[in-house]
Amino acid sequence: MKTSSRLSDLRVMTEDQLNDEALKLKKEQFNLRFQKASGQLQDTARVRVVRRDIARVMTVAAQKRPPAKAKD
């Protein structure tokens, strides 16, 4: 399955690499929104895929961060 291999690739990345990947995906999402607004968007399913990839990257990045200490 393509998603599981993508997820395993994400898990071996460092936090900086994950942040770079998230930034790249957000730029792509921005461009897709412009294409949609101007009527030039060909692959409409790509919007959904990019949105979910952003969520995957952010989830893996959050898992790599140390847990925040609770205030008493």
N, C-alpha and C. Protein backbone atom coordinates (compact mmCIF):
# COMPACT_ATOMS: atom_id res chain seq x y z
N MET A 1 0.83 -1.18 0.00
CA MET A 1 0.00 0.00 0.00
C MET A 1 0.88 1.25 0.00
N LYS A 2 0.51 2.22 -0.77
CA LYS A 2 1.32 3.41 -0.94
C LYS A 2 1.39 4.26 0.33
N THR A 3 0.31 4.32 1.08
CA THR A 3 0.26 5.15 2.29
C THR A 3 1.20 4.63 3.36
N SER A 4 1.26 3.32 3.54
CA SER A 4 2.11 2.77 4.59
C SER A 4 3.59 2.99 4.27
N SER A 5 3.96 2.92 3.01
CA SER A 5 5.36 3.19 2.67
C SER A 5 5.67 4.67 2.85
N ARG A 6 4.72 5.54 2.54
CA ARG A 6 4.91 6.98 2.74
C ARG A 6 5.05 7.29 4.22
N LEU A 7 4.24 6.61 5.04
CA LEU A 7 4.29 6.82 6.48
C LEU A 7 5.61 6.35 7.06
N SER A 8 6.12 5.23 6.59
CA SER A 8 7.41 4.75 7.10
C SER A 8 8.54 5.70 6.68
N ASP A 9 8.42 6.30 5.50
CA ASP A 9 9.41 7.30 5.08
C ASP A 9 9.37 8.52 6.00
N LEU A 10 8.18 8.92 6.39
CA LEU A 10 8.03 10.09 7.25
C LEU A 10 8.60 9.83 8.64
N ARG A 11 8.45 8.62 9.13
CA ARG A 11 8.88 8.31 10.49
C ARG A 11 10.39 8.34 10.66
N VAL A 12 11.14 8.14 9.57
CA VAL A 12 12.60 8.17 9.68
C VAL A 12 13.17 9.57 9.51
N MET A 13 12.32 10.54 9.13
CA MET A 13 12.78 11.92 8.95
C MET A 13 12.97 12.59 10.31
N THR A 14 13.87 13.59 10.32
CA THR A 14 14.06 14.39 11.52
C THR A 14 12.95 15.44 11.59
N GLU A 15 12.88 16.14 12.72
CA GLU A 15 11.84 17.17 12.87
C GLU A 15 12.02 18.29 11.85
N ASP A 16 13.27 18.66 11.58
CA ASP A 16 13.53 19.71 10.58
C ASP A 16 13.08 19.27 9.20
N GLN A 17 13.35 18.03 8.86
CA GLN A 17 12.92 17.51 7.56
C GLN A 17 11.40 17.48 7.47
N LEU A 18 10.75 17.11 8.56
CA LEU A 18 9.29 17.08 8.58
C LEU A 18 8.71 18.49 8.42
N ASN A 19 9.34 19.46 9.07
CA ASN A 19 8.88 20.84 8.93
C ASN A 19 9.05 21.33 7.49
N ASP A 20 10.16 20.97 6.86
CA ASP A 20 10.38 21.33 5.47
C ASP A 20 9.35 20.68 4.55
N GLU A 21 9.05 19.42 4.84
CA GLU A 21 8.05 18.70 4.04
C GLU A 21 6.67 19.33 4.20
N ALA A 22 6.33 19.71 5.42
CA ALA A 22 5.04 20.36 5.67
C ALA A 22 4.96 21.69 4.94
N LEU A 23 6.04 22.44 4.95
CA LEU A 23 6.08 23.72 4.24
C LEU A 23 5.90 23.52 2.74
N LYS A 24 6.56 22.52 2.20
CA LYS A 24 6.45 22.22 0.77
C LYS A 24 5.01 21.84 0.40
N LEU A 25 4.39 21.02 1.26
CA LEU A 25 3.01 20.61 0.99
C LEU A 25 2.03 21.77 1.12
N LYS A 26 2.28 22.67 2.06
CA LYS A 26 1.40 23.83 2.22
C LYS A 26 1.51 24.76 1.02
N LYS A 27 2.71 24.89 0.46
CA LYS A 27 2.87 25.70 -0.75
C LYS A 27 2.12 25.06 -1.92
N GLU A 28 2.20 23.73 -2.01
CA GLU A 28 1.47 23.04 -3.06
C GLU A 28 -0.04 23.22 -2.88
N GLN A 29 -0.50 23.15 -1.64
CA GLN A 29 -1.92 23.35 -1.36
C GLN A 29 -2.35 24.76 -1.77
N PHE A 30 -1.51 25.74 -1.48
CA PHE A 30 -1.79 27.12 -1.86
C PHE A 30 -1.92 27.24 -3.38
N ASN A 31 -0.98 26.64 -4.11
CA ASN A 31 -1.04 26.67 -5.57
C ASN A 31 -2.28 25.96 -6.12
N LEU A 32 -2.65 24.86 -5.49
CA LEU A 32 -3.84 24.14 -5.93
C LEU A 32 -5.11 24.98 -5.72
N ARG A 33 -5.14 25.73 -4.62
CA ARG A 33 -6.30 26.59 -4.38
C ARG A 33 -6.41 27.68 -5.44
N PHE A 34 -5.26 28.24 -5.84
CA PHE A 34 -5.27 29.24 -6.90
C PHE A 34 -5.73 28.65 -8.22
N GLN A 35 -5.25 27.44 -8.51
CA GLN A 35 -5.67 26.78 -9.75
C GLN A 35 -7.17 26.52 -9.74
N LYS A 36 -7.69 26.13 -8.59
CA LYS A 36 -9.12 25.86 -8.49
C LYS A 36 -9.92 27.15 -8.68
N ALA A 37 -9.45 28.23 -8.09
CA ALA A 37 -10.16 29.50 -8.19
C ALA A 37 -10.16 30.04 -9.62
N SER A 38 -9.07 29.79 -10.34
CA SER A 38 -8.99 30.29 -11.72
C SER A 38 -9.53 29.30 -12.74
N GLY A 39 -9.99 28.15 -12.28
CA GLY A 39 -10.58 27.16 -13.19
C GLY A 39 -9.55 26.34 -13.95
N GLN A 40 -8.31 26.32 -13.52
CA GLN A 40 -7.26 25.59 -14.22
C GLN A 40 -6.90 24.27 -13.56
N LEU A 41 -7.57 23.91 -12.48
CA LEU A 41 -7.24 22.69 -11.74
C LEU A 41 -7.68 21.46 -12.53
N GLN A 42 -6.73 20.60 -12.86
CA GLN A 42 -7.02 19.39 -13.62
C GLN A 42 -7.29 18.20 -12.71
N ASP A 43 -6.42 17.98 -11.75
CA ASP A 43 -6.52 16.82 -10.87
C ASP A 43 -7.15 17.26 -9.54
N THR A 44 -8.47 17.19 -9.48
CA THR A 44 -9.18 17.67 -8.29
C THR A 44 -8.91 16.79 -7.07
N ALA A 45 -8.57 15.54 -7.27
CA ALA A 45 -8.30 14.64 -6.15
C ALA A 45 -7.00 15.00 -5.44
N ARG A 46 -6.14 15.71 -6.11
CA ARG A 46 -4.84 16.08 -5.54
C ARG A 46 -5.02 16.98 -4.31
N VAL A 47 -6.08 17.80 -4.30
CA VAL A 47 -6.34 18.68 -3.16
C VAL A 47 -6.53 17.84 -1.90
N ARG A 48 -7.30 16.80 -1.99
CA ARG A 48 -7.57 15.93 -0.86
C ARG A 48 -6.31 15.18 -0.42
N VAL A 49 -5.54 14.70 -1.38
CA VAL A 49 -4.31 13.97 -1.07
C VAL A 49 -3.31 14.86 -0.35
N VAL A 50 -3.15 16.09 -0.82
CA VAL A 50 -2.20 17.02 -0.20
C VAL A 50 -2.65 17.37 1.21
N ARG A 51 -3.94 17.60 1.39
CA ARG A 51 -4.46 17.93 2.72
C ARG A 51 -4.18 16.80 3.70
N ARG A 52 -4.37 15.58 3.28
CA ARG A 52 -4.12 14.44 4.16
C ARG A 52 -2.64 14.20 4.39
N ASP A 53 -1.82 14.49 3.39
CA ASP A 53 -0.37 14.38 3.58
C ASP A 53 0.12 15.39 4.61
N ILE A 54 -0.43 16.59 4.58
CA ILE A 54 -0.07 17.61 5.57
C ILE A 54 -0.42 17.09 6.97
N ALA A 55 -1.58 16.51 7.11
CA ALA A 55 -2.01 15.97 8.41
C ALA A 55 -1.08 14.85 8.87
N ARG A 56 -0.66 13.99 7.93
CA ARG A 56 0.26 12.91 8.29
C ARG A 56 1.59 13.46 8.78
N VAL A 57 2.12 14.43 8.06
CA VAL A 57 3.41 15.01 8.43
C VAL A 57 3.31 15.68 9.80
N MET A 58 2.25 16.43 10.03
CA MET A 58 2.08 17.12 11.31
C MET A 58 1.90 16.12 12.46
N THR A 59 1.22 15.02 12.20
CA THR A 59 1.02 14.00 13.23
C THR A 59 2.34 13.35 13.61
N VAL A 60 3.13 12.97 12.61
CA VAL A 60 4.43 12.34 12.89
C VAL A 60 5.34 13.33 13.61
N ALA A 61 5.31 14.60 13.21
CA ALA A 61 6.13 15.62 13.87
C ALA A 61 5.72 15.77 15.33
N ALA A 62 4.43 15.73 15.61
CA ALA A 62 3.95 15.85 16.98
C ALA A 62 4.36 14.64 17.82
N GLN A 63 4.40 13.47 17.20
CA GLN A 63 4.81 12.27 17.92
C GLN A 63 6.30 12.31 18.26
N LYS A 64 7.09 12.97 17.46
CA LYS A 64 8.53 13.05 17.70
C LYS A 64 8.89 14.06 18.78
N ARG A 65 8.02 15.07 18.97
CA ARG A 65 8.28 16.08 19.99
C ARG A 65 8.14 15.47 21.38
N PRO A 66 8.97 15.91 22.32
CA PRO A 66 8.81 15.41 23.69
C PRO A 66 7.48 15.91 24.27
N PRO A 67 6.88 15.11 25.13
CA PRO A 67 5.60 15.55 25.71
C PRO A 67 5.76 16.81 26.56
N ALA A 68 4.79 17.67 26.48
CA ALA A 68 4.82 18.91 27.26
C ALA A 68 4.54 18.60 28.72
N LYS A 69 5.21 19.33 29.59
CA LYS A 69 5.01 19.13 31.02
C LYS A 69 3.73 19.83 31.42
N ALA A 70 2.94 19.17 32.24
CA ALA A 70 1.67 19.74 32.72
C ALA A 70 1.95 20.72 33.86
N LYS A 71 1.22 21.81 33.85
CA LYS A 71 1.35 22.79 34.94
C LYS A 71 0.50 22.31 36.11
N ASP A 72 1.01 22.55 37.30
CA ASP A 72 0.24 22.16 38.50
C ASP A 72 -0.53 23.32 39.05
